[in-house]
Every structure is written in structure tokens, then in C-alpha cells.
N, C-alpha and C. Protein backbone atom coordinates (compact mmCIF):
# COMPACT_ATOMS: atom_id res chain seq x y z
N UNK A 1 0.85 -1.17 -0.01
CA UNK A 1 -0.02 0.07 0.00
C UNK A 1 0.85 1.25 0.02
N UNK A 2 0.53 2.17 -0.84
CA UNK A 2 1.36 3.48 -0.97
C UNK A 2 0.79 4.34 0.08
N UNK A 3 1.64 4.71 1.14
CA UNK A 3 1.24 5.59 2.23
C UNK A 3 1.36 7.03 1.92
N UNK A 4 2.03 7.40 0.68
CA UNK A 4 2.19 8.84 0.39
C UNK A 4 0.81 9.48 0.19
N UNK A 5 0.85 10.73 0.66
CA UNK A 5 -0.38 11.54 0.53
C UNK A 5 -0.49 12.18 -0.86
N UNK A 6 -1.51 12.27 -1.50
CA UNK A 6 -1.50 13.16 -2.70
C UNK A 6 -1.31 14.66 -2.42
N UNK A 7 -0.63 15.44 -3.30
CA UNK A 7 -0.48 16.82 -3.16
C UNK A 7 -1.67 17.63 -2.93
N UNK A 8 -1.57 18.48 -2.01
CA UNK A 8 -2.74 19.25 -1.73
C UNK A 8 -2.98 20.33 -2.73
N UNK A 9 -4.09 20.38 -3.40
CA UNK A 9 -4.37 21.31 -4.30
C UNK A 9 -4.43 22.68 -3.84
N UNK A 10 -3.66 23.65 -4.59
CA UNK A 10 -3.65 25.08 -4.25
C UNK A 10 -4.99 25.66 -4.31
N UNK A 11 -5.17 26.29 -3.21
CA UNK A 11 -6.70 26.92 -3.12
C UNK A 11 -6.70 28.09 -3.94
N UNK A 12 -7.87 28.49 -4.49
CA UNK A 12 -8.11 29.60 -5.19
C UNK A 12 -7.72 30.98 -4.54
N UNK A 13 -7.89 30.93 -3.26
CA UNK A 13 -7.45 32.16 -2.46
C UNK A 13 -6.07 32.40 -2.43
N UNK A 14 -5.27 31.22 -2.37
CA UNK A 14 -3.77 31.42 -2.39
C UNK A 14 -3.26 31.91 -3.78
N UNK A 15 -3.93 31.35 -4.73
CA UNK A 15 -3.52 31.94 -6.22
C UNK A 15 -3.91 33.34 -6.25
N UNK A 16 -5.04 33.75 -5.85
CA UNK A 16 -5.35 35.15 -5.94
C UNK A 16 -4.49 36.01 -5.23
N UNK A 17 -3.99 35.61 -3.92
CA UNK A 17 -3.03 36.42 -3.20
C UNK A 17 -1.80 36.61 -3.85
N UNK A 18 -1.17 35.49 -4.54
CA UNK A 18 0.04 35.60 -5.28
C UNK A 18 -0.03 36.41 -6.45
N UNK A 19 -1.22 36.36 -7.26
CA UNK A 19 -1.48 37.30 -8.36
C UNK A 19 -1.57 38.67 -7.94
N UNK A 20 -2.16 38.95 -6.79
CA UNK A 20 -2.23 40.36 -6.36
C UNK A 20 -0.95 40.96 -5.90
N UNK A 21 0.02 40.14 -5.37
CA UNK A 21 1.35 40.58 -5.09
C UNK A 21 2.23 40.81 -6.32
N UNK A 22 1.96 39.91 -7.31
CA UNK A 22 2.68 40.22 -8.61
C UNK A 22 2.36 41.37 -9.24
N UNK A 23 1.01 41.56 -9.24
CA UNK A 23 0.43 42.85 -10.00
C UNK A 23 0.78 44.02 -9.26
N UNK A 24 0.95 44.07 -7.83
CA UNK A 24 1.37 45.20 -7.20
C UNK A 24 2.81 45.62 -7.42
N UNK A 25 3.70 44.59 -7.50
CA UNK A 25 5.08 45.00 -7.71
C UNK A 25 5.50 45.08 -9.16
N UNK A 26 4.47 44.61 -10.09
CA UNK A 26 4.80 44.63 -11.42
C UNK A 26 5.84 43.65 -11.99
N UNK A 27 6.27 42.81 -11.15
CA UNK A 27 7.13 41.63 -11.54
C UNK A 27 7.01 40.59 -10.58
N UNK A 28 7.31 39.22 -10.93
CA UNK A 28 7.20 38.04 -9.93
C UNK A 28 8.39 38.22 -8.91
N UNK A 29 8.04 37.82 -7.72
CA UNK A 29 9.10 37.84 -6.46
C UNK A 29 10.33 36.91 -6.94
N UNK A 30 11.53 37.54 -6.71
CA UNK A 30 12.78 36.83 -7.07
C UNK A 30 12.99 35.67 -6.03
N UNK A 31 13.56 34.63 -6.47
CA UNK A 31 14.01 33.56 -5.52
C UNK A 31 15.29 34.05 -4.80
N UNK A 32 15.76 33.23 -3.77
CA UNK A 32 16.84 33.60 -3.06
C UNK A 32 18.09 33.44 -3.85
N UNK A 33 18.17 32.42 -4.72
CA UNK A 33 19.30 32.45 -5.60
C UNK A 33 19.49 33.46 -6.67
N UNK A 34 18.38 33.85 -7.07
CA UNK A 34 18.34 34.99 -8.06
C UNK A 34 18.75 36.40 -7.38
N UNK A 35 18.33 36.58 -6.04
CA UNK A 35 18.77 37.77 -5.26
C UNK A 35 20.17 37.76 -5.06
N UNK A 36 20.81 36.54 -4.78
CA UNK A 36 22.17 36.46 -4.38
C UNK A 36 23.07 36.57 -5.51
N UNK A 37 22.60 36.18 -6.77
CA UNK A 37 23.24 36.35 -8.02
C UNK A 37 23.26 37.78 -8.32
N UNK A 38 22.19 38.49 -8.10
CA UNK A 38 22.06 39.96 -8.51
C UNK A 38 23.04 40.86 -7.62
N UNK A 39 23.30 40.38 -6.23
CA UNK A 39 24.20 41.10 -5.48
C UNK A 39 25.59 40.87 -5.84
N UNK A 40 25.83 39.65 -6.33
CA UNK A 40 27.25 39.47 -6.80
C UNK A 40 27.65 40.07 -8.12
N UNK A 41 26.62 40.38 -8.86
CA UNK A 41 26.90 40.90 -10.20
C UNK A 41 27.56 42.37 -10.04
N UNK A 42 28.70 42.54 -10.75
CA UNK A 42 29.32 43.77 -10.58
C UNK A 42 28.58 45.03 -11.27
N UNK A 43 28.81 46.14 -10.62
CA UNK A 43 28.23 47.43 -11.08
C UNK A 43 28.97 47.93 -12.18
N UNK A 44 28.49 47.83 -13.52
CA UNK A 44 29.34 48.33 -14.60
C UNK A 44 28.43 49.42 -15.25
N UNK A 45 29.11 50.40 -15.67
CA UNK A 45 28.44 51.43 -16.37
C UNK A 45 28.11 51.07 -17.72
N UNK A 46 26.84 51.10 -18.12
CA UNK A 46 26.41 50.57 -19.35
C UNK A 46 26.88 51.37 -20.55
N UNK A 47 26.96 52.80 -20.23
CA UNK A 47 27.49 53.55 -21.27
C UNK A 47 29.08 53.81 -21.29
N UNK A 48 29.65 53.14 -22.35
CA UNK A 48 30.92 53.13 -22.40
C UNK A 48 31.54 54.48 -22.50
N UNK A 49 31.07 55.39 -23.26
CA UNK A 49 31.37 56.68 -23.47
C UNK A 49 31.57 57.49 -22.19
N UNK A 50 30.43 57.24 -21.35
CA UNK A 50 30.46 57.87 -19.99
C UNK A 50 31.57 57.25 -19.01
N UNK A 51 31.85 55.93 -19.27
CA UNK A 51 32.78 55.37 -18.52
C UNK A 51 34.09 55.77 -18.71
N UNK A 52 34.48 56.14 -20.01
CA UNK A 52 35.75 56.59 -20.59
C UNK A 52 35.83 58.11 -20.09
N UNK A 53 34.77 58.70 -20.07
CA UNK A 53 34.83 60.17 -19.58
C UNK A 53 35.30 60.22 -18.10
N UNK A 54 34.63 59.27 -17.34
CA UNK A 54 34.94 59.16 -15.91
C UNK A 54 36.43 58.82 -15.63
N UNK A 55 36.85 57.82 -16.50
CA UNK A 55 38.34 57.43 -16.43
C UNK A 55 39.26 58.66 -16.62
N UNK A 56 38.97 59.40 -17.68
CA UNK A 56 39.75 60.50 -17.93
C UNK A 56 39.82 61.56 -16.85
N UNK A 57 38.54 61.87 -16.23
CA UNK A 57 38.53 62.75 -15.08
C UNK A 57 39.41 62.23 -13.96
N UNK A 58 39.29 61.05 -13.64
CA UNK A 58 40.05 60.46 -12.53
C UNK A 58 41.50 60.51 -12.84
N UNK A 59 41.92 60.17 -14.09
CA UNK A 59 43.38 60.26 -14.33
C UNK A 59 43.80 61.75 -14.30
N UNK A 60 43.00 62.74 -14.87
CA UNK A 60 43.41 64.07 -14.75
C UNK A 60 43.49 64.68 -13.42
N UNK A 61 42.58 64.11 -12.35
CA UNK A 61 42.66 64.53 -11.04
C UNK A 61 43.85 64.01 -10.30
N UNK A 62 44.29 62.74 -10.65
CA UNK A 62 45.51 62.21 -10.07
C UNK A 62 46.76 63.00 -10.60
N UNK A 63 46.69 63.35 -11.88
CA UNK A 63 47.86 64.12 -12.33
C UNK A 63 47.99 65.40 -11.77
N UNK A 64 46.83 66.06 -11.44
CA UNK A 64 46.96 67.42 -10.89
C UNK A 64 47.39 67.23 -9.45
N UNK A 65 46.93 66.21 -8.77
CA UNK A 65 47.28 66.06 -7.36
C UNK A 65 48.82 65.67 -7.28
N UNK A 66 49.24 64.88 -8.30
CA UNK A 66 50.68 64.54 -8.24
C UNK A 66 51.57 65.77 -8.48
N UNK A 67 51.17 66.69 -9.45
CA UNK A 67 51.90 67.90 -9.84
C UNK A 67 51.85 68.82 -8.59
N UNK A 68 50.76 68.91 -7.89
CA UNK A 68 50.63 69.79 -6.63
C UNK A 68 51.58 69.20 -5.62
N UNK A 69 51.67 67.93 -5.51
CA UNK A 69 52.40 67.31 -4.45
C UNK A 69 53.87 67.62 -4.71
N UNK A 70 54.36 67.60 -5.89
CA UNK A 70 55.74 67.94 -6.26
C UNK A 70 56.22 69.41 -5.76
N UNK A 71 55.14 70.21 -5.63
CA UNK A 71 55.42 71.64 -5.31
C UNK A 71 55.33 71.64 -3.69
N UNK A 72 54.31 71.06 -3.14
CA UNK A 72 54.14 71.16 -1.62
C UNK A 72 55.00 70.26 -0.84
N UNK A 73 55.37 69.08 -1.38
CA UNK A 73 56.18 68.07 -0.74
C UNK A 73 55.36 67.07 -0.08
N UNK A 74 54.05 66.92 -0.54
CA UNK A 74 53.32 65.84 0.04
C UNK A 74 53.77 64.46 -0.71
N UNK A 75 54.52 63.69 -0.08
CA UNK A 75 55.19 62.55 -0.56
C UNK A 75 54.12 61.49 -0.87
N UNK A 76 53.04 61.53 -0.22
CA UNK A 76 52.05 60.36 -0.47
C UNK A 76 51.35 60.41 -1.78
N UNK A 77 51.28 61.62 -2.29
CA UNK A 77 50.72 61.76 -3.66
C UNK A 77 51.69 62.05 -4.73
N UNK A 78 52.98 61.98 -4.48
CA UNK A 78 54.03 62.20 -5.58
C UNK A 78 54.16 61.00 -6.36
N UNK A 79 54.56 61.09 -7.74
CA UNK A 79 54.94 59.98 -8.47
C UNK A 79 55.88 58.99 -7.79
N UNK A 80 55.70 57.77 -8.15
CA UNK A 80 56.46 56.75 -7.45
C UNK A 80 57.97 56.87 -7.45
N UNK A 81 58.54 57.43 -8.59
CA UNK A 81 60.00 57.59 -8.65
C UNK A 81 60.62 58.67 -7.52
N UNK A 82 59.75 59.37 -6.88
CA UNK A 82 60.13 60.25 -5.91
C UNK A 82 59.68 59.95 -4.40
N UNK A 83 59.18 58.79 -4.30
CA UNK A 83 58.81 58.41 -2.97
C UNK A 83 59.76 57.61 -2.18
N UNK A 84 59.64 57.68 -0.88
CA UNK A 84 60.52 56.84 -0.08
C UNK A 84 61.49 57.67 0.80
N UNK A 85 61.84 57.19 1.97
CA UNK A 85 62.79 57.98 2.80
C UNK A 85 64.15 58.15 2.26
N UNK A 86 64.66 57.14 1.38
CA UNK A 86 65.98 57.17 0.92
C UNK A 86 66.00 58.37 -0.15
N UNK A 87 64.90 58.48 -1.04
CA UNK A 87 64.96 59.46 -1.98
C UNK A 87 64.77 60.90 -1.40
N UNK A 88 63.96 60.95 -0.33
CA UNK A 88 63.89 62.15 0.28
C UNK A 88 65.17 62.68 0.90
N UNK A 89 65.89 61.76 1.55
CA UNK A 89 67.12 62.03 2.07
C UNK A 89 68.18 62.46 1.05
N UNK A 90 68.19 61.88 -0.24
CA UNK A 90 68.99 62.33 -1.35
C UNK A 90 68.68 63.63 -1.64
N UNK A 91 67.46 64.01 -1.93
CA UNK A 91 67.01 65.39 -2.15
C UNK A 91 67.60 66.47 -1.26
N UNK A 92 67.43 66.08 0.06
CA UNK A 92 67.75 67.08 1.00
C UNK A 92 69.30 67.24 1.09
N UNK A 93 70.15 66.16 0.92
CA UNK A 93 71.59 66.24 0.76
C UNK A 93 72.01 67.08 -0.46
N UNK A 94 71.29 66.92 -1.49
CA UNK A 94 71.66 67.72 -2.77
C UNK A 94 71.27 69.20 -2.51
N UNK A 95 70.10 69.45 -1.95
CA UNK A 95 69.69 70.85 -1.82
C UNK A 95 70.36 71.62 -0.72
N UNK A 96 70.95 70.87 0.22
CA UNK A 96 71.66 71.81 1.21
C UNK A 96 73.07 72.27 0.76
N UNK A 97 73.62 71.77 -0.37
CA UNK A 97 74.89 72.13 -0.73
C UNK A 97 74.79 72.99 -1.93
N UNK A 98 75.79 73.98 -2.24
CA UNK A 98 75.93 74.61 -3.51
C UNK A 98 76.70 73.88 -4.49
N UNK A 99 75.89 73.27 -5.41
CA UNK A 99 76.40 72.38 -6.48
C UNK A 99 76.95 73.38 -7.59
N UNK A 100 78.19 73.00 -8.13
CA UNK A 100 78.67 73.73 -9.17
C UNK A 100 77.83 73.75 -10.42
N UNK A 101 77.24 72.59 -10.71
CA UNK A 101 76.54 72.45 -11.96
C UNK A 101 75.17 73.42 -11.98
N UNK A 102 74.58 73.72 -10.92
CA UNK A 102 73.43 74.54 -10.85
C UNK A 102 73.83 76.04 -11.19
N UNK A 103 75.04 76.38 -11.05
CA UNK A 103 75.54 77.81 -11.37
C UNK A 103 76.24 77.77 -12.79
N UNK A 104 76.85 76.63 -13.08
CA UNK A 104 77.72 76.65 -14.33
C UNK A 104 76.79 76.53 -15.57
N UNK A 105 75.61 75.75 -15.56
CA UNK A 105 74.89 75.71 -16.82
C UNK A 105 74.15 76.90 -17.24
N UNK A 106 73.71 77.65 -16.34
CA UNK A 106 73.16 79.05 -16.82
C UNK A 106 74.24 79.92 -17.58
N UNK A 107 75.58 79.95 -16.85
CA UNK A 107 76.64 80.56 -17.52
C UNK A 107 77.10 79.99 -18.80
N UNK A 108 77.00 78.69 -18.93
CA UNK A 108 77.42 78.04 -20.24
C UNK A 108 76.38 78.42 -21.33
N UNK A 109 75.17 78.57 -20.84
CA UNK A 109 74.10 78.90 -21.88
C UNK A 109 74.35 80.37 -22.33
N UNK A 110 74.84 81.26 -21.50
CA UNK A 110 75.14 82.54 -21.94
C UNK A 110 76.45 82.60 -22.90
N UNK A 111 77.40 81.81 -22.63
CA UNK A 111 78.62 81.61 -23.39
C UNK A 111 78.10 81.25 -24.89
N UNK A 112 77.21 80.25 -24.92
CA UNK A 112 76.81 79.59 -26.32
C UNK A 112 76.11 80.63 -27.08
N UNK A 113 75.37 81.52 -26.27
CA UNK A 113 74.60 82.60 -27.06
C UNK A 113 75.64 83.59 -27.54
N UNK A 114 76.59 83.95 -26.74
CA UNK A 114 77.59 84.85 -27.16
C UNK A 114 78.37 84.34 -28.39
N UNK A 115 78.71 82.98 -28.29
CA UNK A 115 79.38 82.37 -29.42
C UNK A 115 78.55 82.51 -30.69
N UNK A 116 77.30 82.40 -30.63
CA UNK A 116 76.45 82.39 -31.82
C UNK A 116 76.27 83.77 -32.40
N UNK A 117 76.09 84.80 -31.48
CA UNK A 117 75.88 86.08 -31.83
C UNK A 117 77.16 86.88 -32.28
N UNK A 118 78.25 86.60 -31.50
CA UNK A 118 79.49 87.35 -31.74
C UNK A 118 80.04 87.44 -33.23
N UNK A 119 80.03 86.15 -34.02
CA UNK A 119 80.37 86.31 -35.41
C UNK A 119 79.59 87.21 -36.28
N UNK A 120 78.32 87.53 -35.89
CA UNK A 120 77.56 88.36 -36.58
C UNK A 120 77.88 89.83 -36.41
N UNK A 121 78.51 90.10 -35.24
CA UNK A 121 78.90 91.50 -34.90
C UNK A 121 80.34 91.85 -35.31
N UNK A 122 81.24 91.03 -34.90
CA UNK A 122 82.63 91.21 -35.13
C UNK A 122 83.31 90.02 -35.39
N UNK A 123 83.66 89.58 -36.57
CA UNK A 123 84.31 88.26 -36.94
C UNK A 123 85.70 88.19 -36.37
N UNK A 124 86.48 89.21 -36.22
CA UNK A 124 87.85 89.27 -35.60
C UNK A 124 87.83 89.13 -34.22
N UNK A 125 86.81 89.74 -33.49
CA UNK A 125 86.66 89.53 -32.19
C UNK A 125 86.29 88.13 -31.73
N UNK A 126 85.39 87.57 -32.50
CA UNK A 126 84.95 86.12 -32.25
C UNK A 126 86.30 85.20 -32.35
N UNK A 127 87.11 85.45 -33.34
CA UNK A 127 88.21 84.52 -33.59
C UNK A 127 89.17 84.75 -32.34
N UNK A 128 89.31 85.85 -31.81
CA UNK A 128 90.14 86.23 -30.64
C UNK A 128 89.57 85.63 -29.49
N UNK A 129 88.20 85.59 -29.27
CA UNK A 129 87.64 84.99 -28.01
C UNK A 129 87.19 83.60 -28.05
N UNK A 130 87.20 83.04 -29.25
CA UNK A 130 86.65 81.64 -29.37
C UNK A 130 87.53 80.74 -28.49
N UNK A 131 88.77 80.91 -28.56
CA UNK A 131 89.64 79.92 -27.73
C UNK A 131 89.43 80.01 -26.30
N UNK A 132 89.23 81.31 -25.80
CA UNK A 132 88.91 81.63 -24.41
C UNK A 132 87.60 81.06 -24.07
N UNK A 133 86.58 81.08 -24.88
CA UNK A 133 85.08 80.53 -24.54
C UNK A 133 85.30 79.05 -24.41
N UNK A 134 85.98 78.45 -25.32
CA UNK A 134 86.19 77.03 -25.35
C UNK A 134 86.92 76.54 -24.09
N UNK A 135 87.79 77.30 -23.71
CA UNK A 135 88.53 76.92 -22.44
C UNK A 135 87.74 77.16 -21.28
N UNK A 136 87.03 78.10 -21.23
CA UNK A 136 86.08 78.15 -20.10
C UNK A 136 84.98 77.24 -19.98
N UNK A 137 84.45 76.92 -21.09
CA UNK A 137 83.41 75.85 -21.13
C UNK A 137 83.95 74.43 -20.70
N UNK A 138 85.00 74.09 -21.27
CA UNK A 138 85.67 72.80 -20.90
C UNK A 138 86.11 72.74 -19.48
N UNK A 139 86.68 73.86 -18.96
CA UNK A 139 87.14 73.99 -17.58
C UNK A 139 85.91 73.82 -16.68
N UNK A 140 84.74 74.53 -16.97
CA UNK A 140 83.65 74.45 -16.20
C UNK A 140 83.11 73.03 -16.13
N UNK A 141 83.16 72.27 -17.27
CA UNK A 141 82.69 70.96 -17.33
C UNK A 141 83.50 70.18 -16.43
N UNK A 142 84.72 70.35 -16.46
CA UNK A 142 85.64 69.50 -15.58
C UNK A 142 85.47 69.74 -14.11
N UNK A 143 85.16 71.01 -13.73
CA UNK A 143 84.83 71.30 -12.39
C UNK A 143 83.60 70.51 -11.89
N UNK A 144 82.64 70.62 -12.79
CA UNK A 144 81.35 69.88 -12.53
C UNK A 144 81.49 68.41 -12.32
N UNK A 145 82.40 67.92 -13.02
CA UNK A 145 82.72 66.44 -12.90
C UNK A 145 83.31 66.05 -11.54
N UNK A 146 84.29 66.98 -11.24
CA UNK A 146 84.86 66.87 -9.91
C UNK A 146 83.81 66.98 -8.69
N UNK A 147 83.10 68.06 -8.86
CA UNK A 147 82.06 68.27 -7.82
C UNK A 147 81.02 66.98 -7.66
N UNK A 148 80.71 66.51 -8.84
CA UNK A 148 79.85 65.38 -8.95
C UNK A 148 80.45 64.13 -8.15
N UNK A 149 81.82 63.97 -8.47
CA UNK A 149 82.44 62.96 -7.65
C UNK A 149 82.38 63.09 -6.18
N UNK A 150 82.61 64.30 -5.71
CA UNK A 150 82.52 64.54 -4.29
C UNK A 150 81.05 64.37 -3.77
N UNK A 151 80.17 64.74 -4.55
CA UNK A 151 78.70 64.54 -4.16
C UNK A 151 78.42 63.01 -4.10
N UNK A 152 78.97 62.36 -5.07
CA UNK A 152 78.66 60.83 -5.07
C UNK A 152 79.17 60.22 -3.85
N UNK A 153 80.36 60.60 -3.26
CA UNK A 153 81.00 60.00 -2.06
C UNK A 153 80.11 60.39 -0.92
N UNK A 154 79.70 61.71 -0.92
CA UNK A 154 78.83 62.05 0.22
C UNK A 154 77.43 61.37 0.32
N UNK A 155 76.93 61.22 -0.88
CA UNK A 155 75.56 60.46 -0.88
C UNK A 155 75.80 58.95 -0.54
N UNK A 156 76.79 58.33 -0.92
CA UNK A 156 76.88 56.96 -0.60
C UNK A 156 77.32 56.75 0.98
N UNK A 157 78.05 57.63 1.45
CA UNK A 157 78.45 57.55 2.90
C UNK A 157 77.07 57.96 3.80
N UNK A 158 76.30 58.80 3.44
CA UNK A 158 75.22 59.15 4.24
C UNK A 158 74.13 58.13 4.05
N UNK A 159 73.95 57.55 2.95
CA UNK A 159 72.88 56.57 2.78
C UNK A 159 73.37 55.23 3.43
N UNK A 160 74.54 54.88 3.38
CA UNK A 160 75.10 53.72 4.09
C UNK A 160 74.95 53.74 5.53
N UNK A 161 75.29 55.05 6.04
CA UNK A 161 75.11 55.30 7.59
C UNK A 161 73.70 55.13 7.99
N UNK A 162 72.78 55.62 7.35
CA UNK A 162 71.30 55.89 7.78
C UNK A 162 70.64 54.53 7.37
N UNK A 163 70.76 54.03 6.21
CA UNK A 163 69.86 53.02 5.70
C UNK A 163 70.74 51.66 5.60
N UNK A 164 71.94 51.65 5.77
CA UNK A 164 72.70 50.34 5.79
C UNK A 164 73.19 49.81 4.31
N UNK A 165 72.57 50.52 3.37
CA UNK A 165 72.85 50.02 1.90
C UNK A 165 72.53 51.35 1.01
N UNK A 166 73.15 51.22 -0.25
CA UNK A 166 72.76 52.27 -1.29
C UNK A 166 72.07 51.48 -2.34
N UNK A 167 70.82 51.73 -2.37
CA UNK A 167 69.96 51.06 -3.39
C UNK A 167 70.34 51.64 -4.88
N UNK A 168 70.10 50.73 -5.79
CA UNK A 168 70.53 51.21 -7.18
C UNK A 168 69.63 52.31 -7.63
N UNK A 169 70.33 53.24 -8.29
CA UNK A 169 69.55 54.46 -8.80
C UNK A 169 69.63 55.72 -7.93
N UNK A 170 69.95 55.51 -6.61
CA UNK A 170 69.80 56.70 -5.81
C UNK A 170 70.97 57.68 -6.03
N UNK A 171 72.20 57.26 -6.14
CA UNK A 171 73.20 58.07 -6.50
C UNK A 171 72.91 58.94 -7.83
N UNK A 172 72.58 58.25 -8.86
CA UNK A 172 72.27 59.06 -10.09
C UNK A 172 71.07 59.83 -9.94
N UNK A 173 70.12 59.53 -9.10
CA UNK A 173 69.00 60.44 -8.83
C UNK A 173 69.34 61.74 -8.10
N UNK A 174 70.49 61.57 -7.24
CA UNK A 174 71.09 62.86 -6.67
C UNK A 174 71.72 63.65 -7.71
N UNK A 175 72.70 63.01 -8.52
CA UNK A 175 73.52 63.81 -9.37
C UNK A 175 72.74 64.49 -10.45
N UNK A 176 71.62 63.82 -10.90
CA UNK A 176 70.69 64.44 -11.73
C UNK A 176 70.11 65.72 -11.29
N UNK A 177 69.76 65.56 -9.97
CA UNK A 177 68.99 66.66 -9.24
C UNK A 177 70.06 67.90 -9.22
N UNK A 178 71.36 67.55 -8.89
CA UNK A 178 72.33 68.61 -8.68
C UNK A 178 72.64 69.31 -9.93
N UNK A 179 72.34 68.71 -11.04
CA UNK A 179 72.58 69.40 -12.43
C UNK A 179 71.51 70.50 -12.65
N UNK A 180 70.33 70.33 -12.04
CA UNK A 180 69.25 71.13 -12.38
C UNK A 180 69.36 72.39 -11.51
N UNK A 181 68.94 73.60 -12.11
CA UNK A 181 68.77 74.84 -11.55
C UNK A 181 67.91 74.70 -10.28
N UNK A 182 68.30 75.29 -9.16
CA UNK A 182 67.40 75.01 -7.90
C UNK A 182 65.95 75.37 -8.08
N UNK A 183 65.65 76.47 -8.69
CA UNK A 183 64.19 76.95 -8.68
C UNK A 183 63.33 76.10 -9.52
N UNK A 184 64.03 75.35 -10.46
CA UNK A 184 63.25 74.46 -11.46
C UNK A 184 63.30 72.97 -10.99
N UNK A 185 63.81 72.68 -9.84
CA UNK A 185 63.86 71.23 -9.34
C UNK A 185 62.44 70.85 -8.97
N UNK A 186 62.16 69.57 -9.28
CA UNK A 186 60.86 68.99 -8.75
C UNK A 186 61.27 67.57 -8.23
N UNK A 187 60.77 67.21 -7.03
CA UNK A 187 59.98 68.04 -6.07
C UNK A 187 60.78 69.22 -5.60
N UNK A 188 60.04 70.34 -5.22
CA UNK A 188 60.76 71.53 -4.74
C UNK A 188 61.52 71.23 -3.54
N UNK A 189 62.70 71.89 -3.44
CA UNK A 189 63.53 71.59 -2.27
C UNK A 189 62.73 72.08 -1.01
N UNK A 190 62.96 71.30 -0.01
CA UNK A 190 62.34 71.42 1.34
C UNK A 190 63.34 71.98 2.36
N UNK A 191 64.52 72.05 1.89
CA UNK A 191 65.63 72.67 2.81
C UNK A 191 66.40 73.85 2.05
N UNK A 192 66.96 74.75 2.77
CA UNK A 192 67.84 75.80 2.28
C UNK A 192 69.19 75.48 2.12
N UNK A 193 69.94 76.14 1.36
CA UNK A 193 71.48 75.88 1.40
C UNK A 193 71.92 75.94 2.77
N UNK A 194 72.62 75.09 3.40
CA UNK A 194 73.11 75.00 4.62
C UNK A 194 72.33 74.05 5.49
N UNK A 195 70.98 73.64 5.08
CA UNK A 195 70.18 72.79 5.77
C UNK A 195 68.90 73.28 6.50
N UNK A 196 68.80 74.59 6.65
CA UNK A 196 67.61 75.09 7.42
C UNK A 196 66.32 74.73 6.52
N UNK A 197 65.32 74.38 7.23
CA UNK A 197 64.00 74.03 6.34
C UNK A 197 63.38 75.25 5.77
N UNK A 198 62.81 75.00 4.62
CA UNK A 198 62.22 76.03 3.82
C UNK A 198 60.94 76.44 4.51
N UNK A 199 60.74 77.67 4.80
CA UNK A 199 59.42 78.10 5.46
C UNK A 199 58.37 78.07 4.37
N UNK A 200 57.21 77.55 4.72
CA UNK A 200 56.04 77.48 3.61
C UNK A 200 55.53 78.98 3.44
N UNK A 201 55.24 79.08 2.17
CA UNK A 201 54.82 80.52 1.73
C UNK A 201 53.31 80.72 2.33
N UNK A 202 53.17 81.94 2.97
CA UNK A 202 51.86 82.29 3.37
C UNK A 202 51.01 82.81 2.28
N UNK A 203 49.78 82.44 2.10
CA UNK A 203 48.88 83.02 1.23
C UNK A 203 48.70 84.46 1.24
N UNK A 204 48.66 85.12 0.24
CA UNK A 204 48.49 86.56 0.11
C UNK A 204 47.13 86.99 0.60
N UNK A 205 47.03 88.06 1.40
CA UNK A 205 45.67 88.42 1.84
C UNK A 205 45.04 89.07 0.76
N UNK A 206 43.82 88.88 0.63
CA UNK A 206 43.12 89.53 -0.60
C UNK A 206 42.69 91.04 -0.07
N UNK A 207 42.92 91.89 -0.96
CA UNK A 207 42.57 93.44 -0.62
C UNK A 207 41.05 93.62 -0.87
């Protein structure tokens, strides 16, 4: 004998209640599996043009923040090549000293302009001064090389003492910074010549 009971037929009242709920919401009730799958589905912007526009805006915002950080010294937002205590220490060591290259290259630029303009003014004077200009340029370059050698020794000694090693690229990072004119260096110097910290500029009062 089969003891299983036949399924109880759904009452008309129950069917009417389900139909009323569906009509009220405008759609059938989702099952639990459907609801969980909807929650796991990633939120993707359907409009690709709008998504690209948002990506460009985010990229532009990050670039502006990184550029501002190079001026203010906010290391958390600087480009990766300028982050880290070792690189900050290298920048401070370079910025505290009077580097020969930061003074020589503006003077060398003036010499080059004179060498280009002088033949147009007086050919004989140019011939007389050309040897002197060449000697001054090569002499300045030699002094810059010697100064870079002493800077290299100072950087290696300071980094070894403070961090135990000199990571690859740090010395070159410092020498390249020493070649640049001080006011054009990025990140901006945070110390003056001699080691005193740079005082932050106060905003101008509006009149």
C-alpha cells in the first residue's frame, strides 16, 4: 500500500493572493538564488562613453594632485619615482649644498649665445675670443665632474650610515638633481642651502 499522500491542491484564495502581489510589484518575486546572484553581479556603467569620460577625469585629477604634491612636498601623492625615505634624504643632501652645476649651466648657456651672436657682430673679435670661450666651457665641465664625484661620495656615505645600503639608482637620482637649476627642481627643495628648512609660503591676503 502506498502511504504517500496526494499533493494538496492550491486553493483559489492562495492563487489570488500571489497574483495580487505580482500585480502590485509589476514583476514576480525573485527567488533567494536570483537575489544572491544579483548582489554578486558587478556594477558596470552601461554607457562606455560615460565610463571613458569618468576614467579621464580620474586620471586628470590624479595628475593634478601629483603635480601639486611635487610643489608642496606631499610625498603620499608624488609619482613613485620620488617616494621613499631614501630619495627624500638624497634630495635634502643635494639641496643643502651649493652644487657647481646649478651655477655653471646658466653661465654656459650665456657663453653659447655669445658664441652664436659674436660672429655676426665682429668676426675678428670672435676669432680672438673663441679659444677663451672653449677653455672656459671645458674648464667648467671639468669642475662639474669633480664636484659630482665629491657629491657621489657624500651620498653613498650618508645613505650607508642611515639605511645600511645604497640602493640602485639613488646616486644617479641625486646627481641628476644637482645638475638642475635650484628653482626648477621637482620636487621643490624642502631645505635651504646649509640645511635650514624652507618656510612655507603664506597665502597673500586679499585686498
